[in-house]
Amino acid sequence: MSVTPKKETNTAAVDVVTFGCRLNSYESEVMKAHAAKAGLDNAIIFNTCAVTNEAVRQARQAIRKARRDNTEARIIVTGCAAQIDPTQFGDMDEVDLVIGNEEKTDASAFARLAVEGVGTERIRVNDIMSVKETAGHLVEGFEGRARAFVQVQNGCDHRCTFCIIPYGRGNSRSVPAGEVVTQVRALVTNGYSEVVITGVDITSYGSDLPGNPSLGNLCARILKLVPELKRLRLSSIDSIEADPELMRLIADEKRLMPHLHLSLQAGDNMVLKRMKRRHSREDAIAFCQDAKRLRPEIVFGADIIAGFPTETDEMFENSLRLVEECDLTWLHVFPYSARPGTPAARMPQVDGRLIKERAKQLRDAGTKRSAAFLASRVGQTENVLMETETRGRTEQFAEINMAVPARAGEIVKTKVVNTAGSLLSGEACA
């Protein structure tokens, strides 16, 4: 989960600076659409992330810089960090208004801002735990992107001991399948070849809907009812919740991309227990083996935390070995960051220097694994979705440079000819 801010501008003269996850990227598009419709202008909206202390620090730093560079613009802060601790942003001299995660996707909130301005009420943040539904926000396109994200779920019912996000997102709630299909169809009509299903905990999809449909049921419905959709991709999943229908699609449906990003977090059973995760290392290995058996070309990404409280050298070695045992290709490594208010913050902490060293070992292992995978693709033919005229992604999410430019959004049959660092290089097939 990256915390690199992405600045995007729309015709309503509203800049949106996005930190964090794909769901935030999606919601930034919703905010831009609401701001344009309301006629809001001369504003900068910061859509913050709370997954680490560093993410919060980066947001505050960016806000200060924006005020120095834009003395007249209204600065509005929202997102998970603002939802969890609105006062820390409301007390900043640079900030005009703080709004919560519920308010940021509410069209009426933007209409009010356009008419009334920010006013004297600097903090407008509701109790996120009181929110029971999630709307399917229709986003017709994503500026500058070849793929589009569709939010199918928000919030999380689990309480992992390291995680503050449920307090920023609320409890799990799902978007009805019909609304999801409507949005996917609209995006395909607007020229998108790939749609990414996203949310906070997408494998919990449907538990709050009539009939309790699963994520697999939802994906099957999308693929059946939008036959013109060329590629469907899943964002991060919790493998222990993967349902039988999803596994069937992995085996049989070629339009479901052979790339899964897994929320593993650790590879030691005691650490997993202290994290309050619901799977064991054996569960993780078994899932990856099953998925590989069903779809031999599938690749896995994973989130792994280095230096969780009480983690010994032996426990860390179990996490390190998991990279090989689960055949992981794309690693997202997070040095543990104590979030105030979480149970893990009260546990005995690992020395910061040791956390950094363990994170480096995990990243090095990930680099080795990804380099081996990229080398294995040389000489192979790939279907590449062009993100720019000269760069795209394979079905397994490897990034590739193209010798001859092609239209962004086009899927090009490509012969992989070489690797260069973390990239493949390829030529379009004749």
Protein backbone atom coordinates (compact mmCIF):
# COMPACT_ATOMS: atom_id res chain seq x y z
CA MET A 1 0.00 0.00 0.00
CA SER A 2 1.82 3.06 -1.22
CA VAL A 3 1.73 6.37 0.61
CA THR A 4 3.13 8.32 -2.36
CA PRO A 5 0.82 11.27 -2.97
CA LYS A 6 -0.77 11.62 -6.38
CA LYS A 7 -1.90 15.07 -7.44
CA GLU A 8 -4.71 15.31 -9.94
CA THR A 9 -6.48 18.35 -11.32
CA ASN A 10 -9.95 18.67 -12.85
CA THR A 11 -11.74 21.40 -14.79
CA ALA A 12 -13.39 22.76 -11.63
CA ALA A 13 -9.97 24.04 -10.45
CA VAL A 14 -9.93 21.61 -7.57
CA ASP A 15 -6.72 19.73 -6.89
CA VAL A 16 -6.99 16.35 -5.17
CA VAL A 17 -3.86 14.98 -3.52
CA THR A 18 -4.26 11.28 -2.78
CA PHE A 19 -2.31 9.19 -0.30
CA GLY A 20 -2.55 5.44 0.28
CA CYS A 21 -4.67 2.71 -1.16
CA ARG A 22 -6.59 2.03 -4.36
CA LEU A 23 -9.84 2.71 -2.55
CA ASN A 24 -8.62 6.22 -1.78
CA SER A 25 -7.76 6.65 -5.48
CA TYR A 26 -11.30 5.63 -6.38
CA GLU A 27 -12.82 7.98 -3.80
CA SER A 28 -10.68 10.84 -5.06
CA GLU A 29 -12.34 10.38 -8.45
CA VAL A 30 -15.73 10.52 -6.73
CA MET A 31 -14.75 13.74 -4.97
CA LYS A 32 -13.52 15.31 -8.22
CA ALA A 33 -16.83 14.50 -9.89
CA HIS A 34 -18.84 15.93 -6.98
CA ALA A 35 -16.67 19.07 -6.86
CA ALA A 36 -17.07 19.66 -10.61
CA LYS A 37 -20.84 19.20 -10.47
CA ALA A 38 -21.15 21.53 -7.48
CA GLY A 39 -18.96 24.21 -9.08
CA LEU A 40 -16.46 24.15 -6.23
CA ASP A 41 -13.26 25.93 -7.19
CA ASN A 42 -9.97 27.24 -5.84
CA ALA A 43 -9.58 24.36 -3.40
CA ILE A 44 -7.03 21.68 -2.62
CA ILE A 45 -8.35 18.44 -1.12
CA PHE A 46 -5.98 16.10 0.72
CA ASN A 47 -7.25 12.52 0.84
CA THR A 48 -5.13 11.09 3.66
CA CYS A 49 -4.01 7.61 4.72
CA ALA A 50 -3.58 6.31 8.28
CA VAL A 51 -1.95 2.93 7.69
CA THR A 52 1.40 4.12 9.14
CA ASN A 53 2.73 7.08 11.09
CA GLU A 54 4.84 7.92 8.04
CA ALA A 55 1.72 8.24 5.88
CA VAL A 56 0.27 10.77 8.33
CA ARG A 57 3.57 12.69 8.50
CA GLN A 58 3.76 12.90 4.71
CA ALA A 59 0.22 14.27 4.52
CA ARG A 60 0.91 16.99 7.09
CA GLN A 61 4.13 17.92 5.30
CA ALA A 62 2.32 18.14 1.94
CA ILE A 63 -0.41 20.33 3.47
CA ARG A 64 2.16 22.81 4.79
CA LYS A 65 3.90 22.99 1.43
CA ALA A 66 0.58 23.48 -0.38
CA ARG A 67 -0.26 26.45 1.84
CA ARG A 68 3.12 28.05 1.18
CA ASP A 69 2.61 27.63 -2.57
CA ASN A 70 -1.12 28.52 -2.61
CA THR A 71 -1.96 31.25 -0.14
CA GLU A 72 -5.48 31.87 -1.50
CA ALA A 73 -6.73 28.31 -2.05
CA ARG A 74 -9.03 26.62 0.45
CA ILE A 75 -7.36 23.54 1.94
CA ILE A 76 -9.72 20.67 2.80
CA VAL A 77 -8.49 17.51 4.51
CA THR A 78 -10.28 14.16 4.50
CA GLY A 79 -9.47 10.43 4.41
CA CYS A 80 -8.64 7.87 7.08
CA ALA A 81 -6.12 9.96 9.03
CA ALA A 82 -8.61 12.83 9.18
CA GLN A 83 -11.45 10.50 10.23
CA ILE A 84 -9.44 8.91 13.03
CA ASP A 85 -7.89 12.10 14.42
CA PRO A 86 -9.59 15.15 12.92
CA THR A 87 -8.22 17.50 15.55
CA GLN A 88 -4.62 17.03 14.48
CA PHE A 89 -5.53 18.51 11.10
CA GLY A 90 -8.15 20.95 12.36
CA ASP A 91 -5.53 22.52 14.61
CA MET A 92 -3.18 23.18 11.68
CA ASP A 93 -3.15 26.85 10.68
CA GLU A 94 -2.88 25.81 7.04
CA VAL A 95 -6.16 23.86 7.05
CA ASP A 96 -9.56 25.45 6.40
CA LEU A 97 -11.79 22.39 6.82
CA VAL A 98 -11.68 18.73 7.84
CA ILE A 99 -14.37 16.34 6.56
CA GLY A 100 -14.82 12.65 7.32
CA ASN A 101 -14.79 9.55 5.18
CA GLU A 102 -18.59 9.49 4.99
CA GLU A 103 -18.82 13.15 4.03
CA LYS A 104 -16.14 13.02 1.34
CA THR A 105 -18.28 10.93 -1.03
CA ASP A 106 -21.53 12.78 -0.28
CA ALA A 107 -22.53 15.04 -3.19
CA SER A 108 -24.57 17.29 -0.88
CA ALA A 109 -21.46 18.05 1.20
CA PHE A 110 -19.74 19.46 -1.89
CA ALA A 111 -22.83 21.40 -2.93
CA ARG A 112 -22.85 22.95 0.55
CA LEU A 113 -19.15 23.81 0.28
CA ALA A 114 -19.63 25.49 -3.09
CA VAL A 115 -22.45 27.67 -1.76
CA GLU A 116 -21.40 28.34 1.82
CA GLY A 117 -17.64 28.03 1.67
CA VAL A 118 -15.81 26.39 4.55
CA GLY A 119 -17.42 28.61 7.20
CA THR A 120 -16.47 28.67 10.87
CA GLU A 121 -17.14 24.97 11.47
CA ARG A 122 -13.63 23.65 10.83
CA ILE A 123 -14.34 19.95 11.53
CA ARG A 124 -17.26 18.07 9.94
CA VAL A 125 -16.64 14.43 10.83
CA ASN A 126 -19.43 12.00 11.72
CA ASP A 127 -19.17 8.74 13.70
CA ILE A 128 -18.03 6.27 11.04
CA MET A 129 -19.26 3.32 13.12
CA SER A 130 -22.83 4.54 12.68
CA VAL A 131 -22.65 4.17 8.87
CA LYS A 132 -24.51 1.04 7.76
CA GLU A 133 -24.47 1.27 3.96
CA THR A 134 -22.06 2.01 1.12
CA ALA A 135 -23.35 3.53 -2.09
CA GLY A 136 -22.14 2.53 -5.54
CA HIS A 137 -20.72 5.82 -6.78
CA LEU A 138 -20.83 6.04 -10.56
CA VAL A 139 -17.43 7.16 -11.87
CA GLU A 140 -17.45 7.37 -15.64
CA GLY A 141 -13.70 7.36 -16.11
CA PHE A 142 -10.29 7.73 -14.51
CA GLU A 143 -8.15 10.52 -15.86
CA GLY A 144 -4.82 9.30 -17.21
CA ARG A 145 -5.34 5.64 -16.33
CA ALA A 146 -5.80 2.59 -18.50
CA ARG A 147 -7.62 0.66 -15.79
CA ALA A 148 -10.47 1.71 -13.53
CA PHE A 149 -11.27 0.83 -9.93
CA VAL A 150 -14.74 -0.09 -8.71
CA GLN A 151 -15.53 0.01 -5.01
CA VAL A 152 -17.63 -2.99 -3.98
CA GLN A 153 -17.17 -2.85 -0.22
CA ASN A 154 -16.01 -0.54 2.56
CA GLY A 155 -15.02 -0.98 6.19
CA CYS A 156 -13.86 -4.04 8.12
CA ASP A 157 -15.41 -6.19 10.85
CA HIS A 158 -12.06 -7.67 11.92
CA ARG A 159 -9.87 -6.10 14.57
CA CYS A 160 -6.27 -7.03 13.82
CA THR A 161 -4.19 -5.77 16.72
CA PHE A 162 -1.88 -3.62 14.56
CA CYS A 163 -4.55 -1.99 12.40
CA ILE A 164 -6.22 1.38 12.92
CA ILE A 165 -8.14 1.34 9.60
CA PRO A 166 -11.53 0.04 10.93
CA TYR A 167 -11.72 3.23 12.99
CA GLY A 168 -11.29 5.26 9.82
CA ARG A 169 -13.56 3.16 7.61
CA GLY A 170 -16.17 1.71 9.97
CA ASN A 171 -17.68 -1.76 9.86
CA SER A 172 -17.95 -3.84 6.70
CA ARG A 173 -20.71 -2.91 4.27
CA SER A 174 -21.20 -3.95 0.66
CA VAL A 175 -22.45 -2.35 -2.53
CA PRO A 176 -25.35 -4.33 -4.07
CA ALA A 177 -24.22 -6.41 -7.05
CA GLY A 178 -26.59 -4.68 -9.47
CA GLU A 179 -24.98 -1.30 -8.78
CA VAL A 180 -21.51 -2.78 -9.24
CA VAL A 181 -22.47 -4.30 -12.58
CA THR A 182 -23.97 -0.98 -13.71
CA GLN A 183 -20.73 0.83 -12.97
CA VAL A 184 -18.54 -1.81 -14.63
CA ARG A 185 -20.71 -1.64 -17.74
CA ALA A 186 -20.44 2.17 -17.80
CA LEU A 187 -16.65 2.02 -17.53
CA VAL A 188 -16.37 -0.54 -20.32
CA THR A 189 -18.64 1.64 -22.49
CA ASN A 190 -16.23 4.51 -21.84
CA GLY A 191 -13.34 2.46 -23.19
CA TYR A 192 -11.78 0.77 -20.18
CA SER A 193 -10.43 -2.71 -20.86
CA GLU A 194 -9.60 -3.57 -17.26
CA VAL A 195 -11.54 -3.06 -14.03
CA VAL A 196 -10.07 -3.60 -10.57
CA ILE A 197 -12.43 -4.66 -7.78
CA THR A 198 -11.45 -2.79 -4.65
CA GLY A 199 -12.49 -2.21 -1.04
CA VAL A 200 -11.09 -2.48 2.47
CA ASP A 201 -11.80 -6.20 2.91
CA ILE A 202 -13.27 -7.41 -0.37
CA THR A 203 -13.40 -11.10 0.58
CA SER A 204 -15.99 -10.16 3.22
CA TYR A 205 -18.22 -8.91 0.39
CA GLY A 206 -21.91 -9.69 0.73
CA SER A 207 -22.10 -10.75 4.37
CA ASP A 208 -24.43 -7.80 5.02
CA LEU A 209 -26.56 -8.23 1.87
CA PRO A 210 -29.70 -10.35 1.40
CA GLY A 211 -28.73 -13.91 0.56
CA ASN A 212 -25.10 -13.32 1.64
CA PRO A 213 -23.55 -13.37 -1.86
CA SER A 214 -19.80 -13.95 -1.91
CA LEU A 215 -16.99 -12.17 -3.74
CA GLY A 216 -16.87 -15.11 -6.13
CA ASN A 217 -20.61 -14.72 -6.81
CA LEU A 218 -20.10 -11.02 -7.54
CA CYS A 219 -17.18 -11.65 -9.93
CA ALA A 220 -19.13 -14.37 -11.76
CA ARG A 221 -22.06 -11.99 -12.18
CA ILE A 222 -19.85 -9.20 -13.54
CA LEU A 223 -18.18 -11.52 -16.06
CA LYS A 224 -21.50 -12.97 -17.18
CA LEU A 225 -23.43 -9.69 -17.46
CA VAL A 226 -20.61 -7.59 -18.93
CA PRO A 227 -19.19 -9.98 -21.55
CA GLU A 228 -17.39 -7.12 -23.30
CA LEU A 229 -15.16 -6.57 -20.22
CA LYS A 230 -11.74 -7.87 -21.23
CA ARG A 231 -9.96 -8.02 -17.88
CA LEU A 232 -11.16 -8.22 -14.28
CA ARG A 233 -8.58 -7.87 -11.52
CA LEU A 234 -8.88 -8.16 -7.74
CA SER A 235 -7.14 -5.90 -5.26
CA SER A 236 -5.84 -7.27 -1.95
CA ILE A 237 -7.71 -10.33 -0.64
CA ASP A 238 -7.73 -12.27 2.62
CA SER A 239 -6.98 -15.79 1.40
CA ILE A 240 -8.70 -17.50 4.34
CA GLU A 241 -12.01 -16.02 3.12
CA ALA A 242 -11.67 -17.10 -0.53
CA ASP A 243 -14.95 -18.82 -1.40
CA PRO A 244 -15.46 -21.88 -3.68
CA GLU A 245 -16.94 -19.79 -6.50
CA LEU A 246 -13.88 -17.54 -6.51
CA MET A 247 -11.60 -20.58 -6.70
CA ARG A 248 -13.66 -21.91 -9.63
CA LEU A 249 -13.20 -18.60 -11.45
CA ILE A 250 -9.46 -18.69 -10.80
CA ALA A 251 -9.39 -22.10 -12.49
CA ASP A 252 -11.77 -21.49 -15.40
CA GLU A 253 -12.16 -17.79 -16.19
CA LYS A 254 -9.33 -16.37 -18.28
CA ARG A 255 -10.72 -12.84 -18.00
CA LEU A 256 -9.99 -12.96 -14.27
CA MET A 257 -6.35 -11.93 -14.15
CA PRO A 258 -3.80 -14.48 -12.85
CA HIS A 259 -2.54 -12.14 -10.14
CA LEU A 260 -3.65 -12.06 -6.50
CA HIS A 261 -2.35 -9.74 -3.81
CA LEU A 262 -2.62 -11.49 -0.44
CA SER A 263 -3.00 -9.94 2.99
CA LEU A 264 -0.58 -12.32 4.74
CA GLN A 265 1.19 -9.92 7.18
CA ALA A 266 3.46 -12.58 8.72
CA GLY A 267 4.65 -16.15 8.34
CA ASP A 268 4.94 -17.19 11.98
CA ASN A 269 1.96 -18.71 13.79
CA MET A 270 2.61 -16.99 17.11
CA VAL A 271 2.95 -13.61 15.44
CA LEU A 272 -0.22 -14.26 13.44
CA LYS A 273 -2.03 -15.14 16.67
CA ARG A 274 -0.82 -11.95 18.35
CA MET A 275 -1.87 -9.99 15.29
CA LYS A 276 -5.32 -11.59 15.67
CA ARG A 277 -5.21 -12.84 12.11
CA ARG A 278 -7.51 -15.71 11.18
CA HIS A 279 -5.09 -17.88 9.21
CA SER A 280 -1.95 -19.86 9.98
CA ARG A 281 1.21 -20.11 7.90
CA GLU A 282 0.01 -23.56 6.86
CA ASP A 283 -3.27 -22.03 5.62
CA ALA A 284 -1.36 -19.48 3.54
CA ILE A 285 0.90 -22.09 1.95
CA ALA A 286 -2.05 -24.40 1.22
CA PHE A 287 -4.01 -21.58 -0.46
CA CYS A 288 -1.10 -20.67 -2.73
CA GLN A 289 -0.54 -24.30 -3.65
CA ASP A 290 -4.24 -24.76 -4.43
CA ALA A 291 -4.39 -21.62 -6.56
CA LYS A 292 -1.25 -22.68 -8.46
CA ARG A 293 -2.76 -26.09 -9.09
CA LEU A 294 -5.92 -24.49 -10.47
CA ARG A 295 -4.09 -21.79 -12.47
CA PRO A 296 -0.40 -22.64 -12.95
CA GLU A 297 0.47 -19.19 -14.36
CA ILE A 298 -0.93 -17.28 -11.36
CA VAL A 299 1.42 -14.99 -9.42
CA PHE A 300 1.07 -13.65 -5.89
CA GLY A 301 1.83 -10.36 -4.25
CA ALA A 302 1.67 -10.02 -0.48
CA ASP A 303 1.75 -7.56 2.39
CA ILE A 304 4.23 -8.53 5.12
CA ILE A 305 5.01 -6.58 8.29
CA ALA A 306 8.59 -6.59 9.60
CA GLY A 307 9.26 -6.26 13.31
CA PHE A 308 5.82 -6.82 14.78
CA PRO A 309 5.97 -6.52 18.62
CA THR A 310 7.52 -9.60 20.32
CA GLU A 311 8.91 -10.88 16.99
CA THR A 312 12.05 -12.93 17.65
CA ASP A 313 14.73 -13.86 15.14
CA GLU A 314 13.16 -17.29 14.75
CA MET A 315 9.70 -15.80 14.16
CA PHE A 316 11.12 -13.45 11.56
CA GLU A 317 12.86 -16.32 9.78
CA ASN A 318 9.46 -18.01 9.42
CA SER A 319 8.16 -14.90 7.65
CA LEU A 320 11.25 -14.78 5.47
CA ARG A 321 10.84 -18.44 4.46
CA LEU A 322 7.20 -17.79 3.57
CA VAL A 323 8.36 -15.76 0.55
CA GLU A 324 9.68 -18.98 -1.01
CA GLU A 325 7.07 -21.34 0.42
CA CYS A 326 4.17 -19.29 -0.97
CA ASP A 327 6.03 -18.54 -4.21
CA LEU A 328 5.53 -14.80 -3.74
CA THR A 329 6.49 -12.49 -6.61
CA TRP A 330 5.49 -8.93 -5.67
CA LEU A 331 6.18 -8.01 -2.02
CA HIS A 332 4.87 -4.97 -0.14
CA VAL A 333 6.99 -4.79 3.01
CA PHE A 334 5.94 -2.58 5.91
CA PRO A 335 8.27 -1.85 8.83
CA TYR A 336 5.98 -2.12 11.86
CA SER A 337 4.58 1.25 12.89
CA ALA A 338 2.83 1.50 16.26
CA ARG A 339 -0.54 3.20 15.83
CA PRO A 340 -1.86 4.79 19.03
CA GLY A 341 -5.03 3.12 20.26
CA THR A 342 -4.24 -0.32 18.84
CA PRO A 343 -3.52 -3.33 21.10
CA ALA A 344 -0.17 -3.96 19.38
CA ALA A 345 1.07 -0.53 20.42
CA ARG A 346 0.90 -1.73 24.04
CA MET A 347 2.92 -4.91 23.36
CA PRO A 348 6.72 -5.12 23.87
CA GLN A 349 8.22 -3.36 20.87
CA VAL A 350 11.11 -4.50 18.65
CA ASP A 351 14.11 -2.17 18.39
CA GLY A 352 13.70 0.24 15.48
CA ARG A 353 17.09 -0.58 13.95
CA LEU A 354 16.23 -4.27 13.96
CA ILE A 355 12.87 -3.54 12.31
CA LYS A 356 14.65 -1.69 9.49
CA GLU A 357 17.13 -4.55 9.03
CA ARG A 358 14.37 -7.15 8.88
CA ALA A 359 12.41 -5.02 6.41
CA LYS A 360 15.51 -4.80 4.22
CA GLN A 361 15.95 -8.58 4.28
CA LEU A 362 12.33 -9.06 3.24
CA ARG A 363 12.64 -6.50 0.45
CA ASP A 364 15.84 -8.13 -0.78
CA ALA A 365 14.07 -11.50 -0.84
CA GLY A 366 11.21 -9.92 -2.76
CA THR A 367 13.58 -8.33 -5.27
CA LYS A 368 15.24 -11.69 -5.86
CA ARG A 369 11.88 -13.38 -6.39
CA SER A 370 10.56 -10.73 -8.77
CA ALA A 371 13.82 -10.71 -10.77
CA ALA A 372 13.59 -14.48 -11.21
CA PHE A 373 9.99 -14.20 -12.36
CA LEU A 374 10.78 -11.44 -14.87
CA ALA A 375 13.68 -13.47 -16.28
CA SER A 376 11.31 -16.42 -16.75
CA ARG A 377 9.08 -14.32 -19.01
CA VAL A 378 11.77 -13.57 -21.62
CA GLY A 379 10.77 -15.24 -24.86
CA GLN A 380 7.13 -15.54 -23.80
CA THR A 381 4.12 -13.90 -25.43
CA GLU A 382 2.08 -11.61 -23.18
CA ASN A 383 -1.12 -9.60 -23.49
CA VAL A 384 -0.09 -6.11 -22.41
CA LEU A 385 -2.53 -3.41 -21.32
CA MET A 386 -0.91 -0.12 -22.32
CA GLU A 387 -0.87 2.46 -19.51
CA THR A 388 1.00 5.05 -21.59
CA GLU A 389 2.09 4.95 -25.22
CA THR A 390 5.30 3.12 -24.33
CA ARG A 391 4.62 1.28 -21.05
CA GLY A 392 2.04 -1.28 -19.94
CA ARG A 393 1.28 -4.23 -17.65
CA THR A 394 1.02 -7.92 -18.37
CA GLU A 395 -1.84 -10.05 -17.05
CA GLN A 396 0.41 -10.99 -14.11
CA PHE A 397 1.00 -7.28 -13.42
CA ALA A 398 4.61 -7.13 -14.60
CA GLU A 399 5.55 -3.72 -15.97
CA ILE A 400 6.89 -3.69 -19.52
CA ASN A 401 8.47 -1.12 -21.84
CA MET A 402 7.42 -1.35 -25.49
CA ALA A 403 9.76 -0.74 -28.41
CA VAL A 404 7.01 0.75 -30.59
CA PRO A 405 4.38 3.14 -29.13
CA ALA A 406 0.74 2.05 -28.90
CA ARG A 407 -2.45 3.74 -27.77
CA ALA A 408 -2.95 3.92 -24.00
CA GLY A 409 -5.75 1.55 -23.00
CA GLU A 410 -5.09 -0.84 -25.89
CA ILE A 411 -4.25 -4.50 -25.21
CA VAL A 412 -1.23 -5.48 -27.32
CA LYS A 413 0.02 -9.03 -27.95
CA THR A 414 3.69 -8.73 -27.10
CA LYS A 415 6.88 -10.80 -27.32
CA VAL A 416 9.06 -10.28 -24.23
CA VAL A 417 12.65 -9.75 -25.41
CA ASN A 418 14.58 -8.71 -22.30
CA THR A 419 14.57 -7.50 -18.71
CA ALA A 420 15.98 -4.23 -17.39
CA GLY A 421 15.95 -3.94 -13.61
CA SER A 422 12.33 -4.23 -12.46
CA LEU A 423 10.96 -3.94 -15.99
CA LEU A 424 10.41 -6.20 -18.94
CA SER A 425 10.97 -4.97 -22.49
CA GLY A 426 8.91 -6.17 -25.40
CA GLU A 427 7.93 -5.87 -29.02
CA ALA A 428 4.43 -6.11 -30.46
CA CYS A 429 3.82 -9.38 -32.27
CA ALA A 430 3.35 -9.09 -36.02
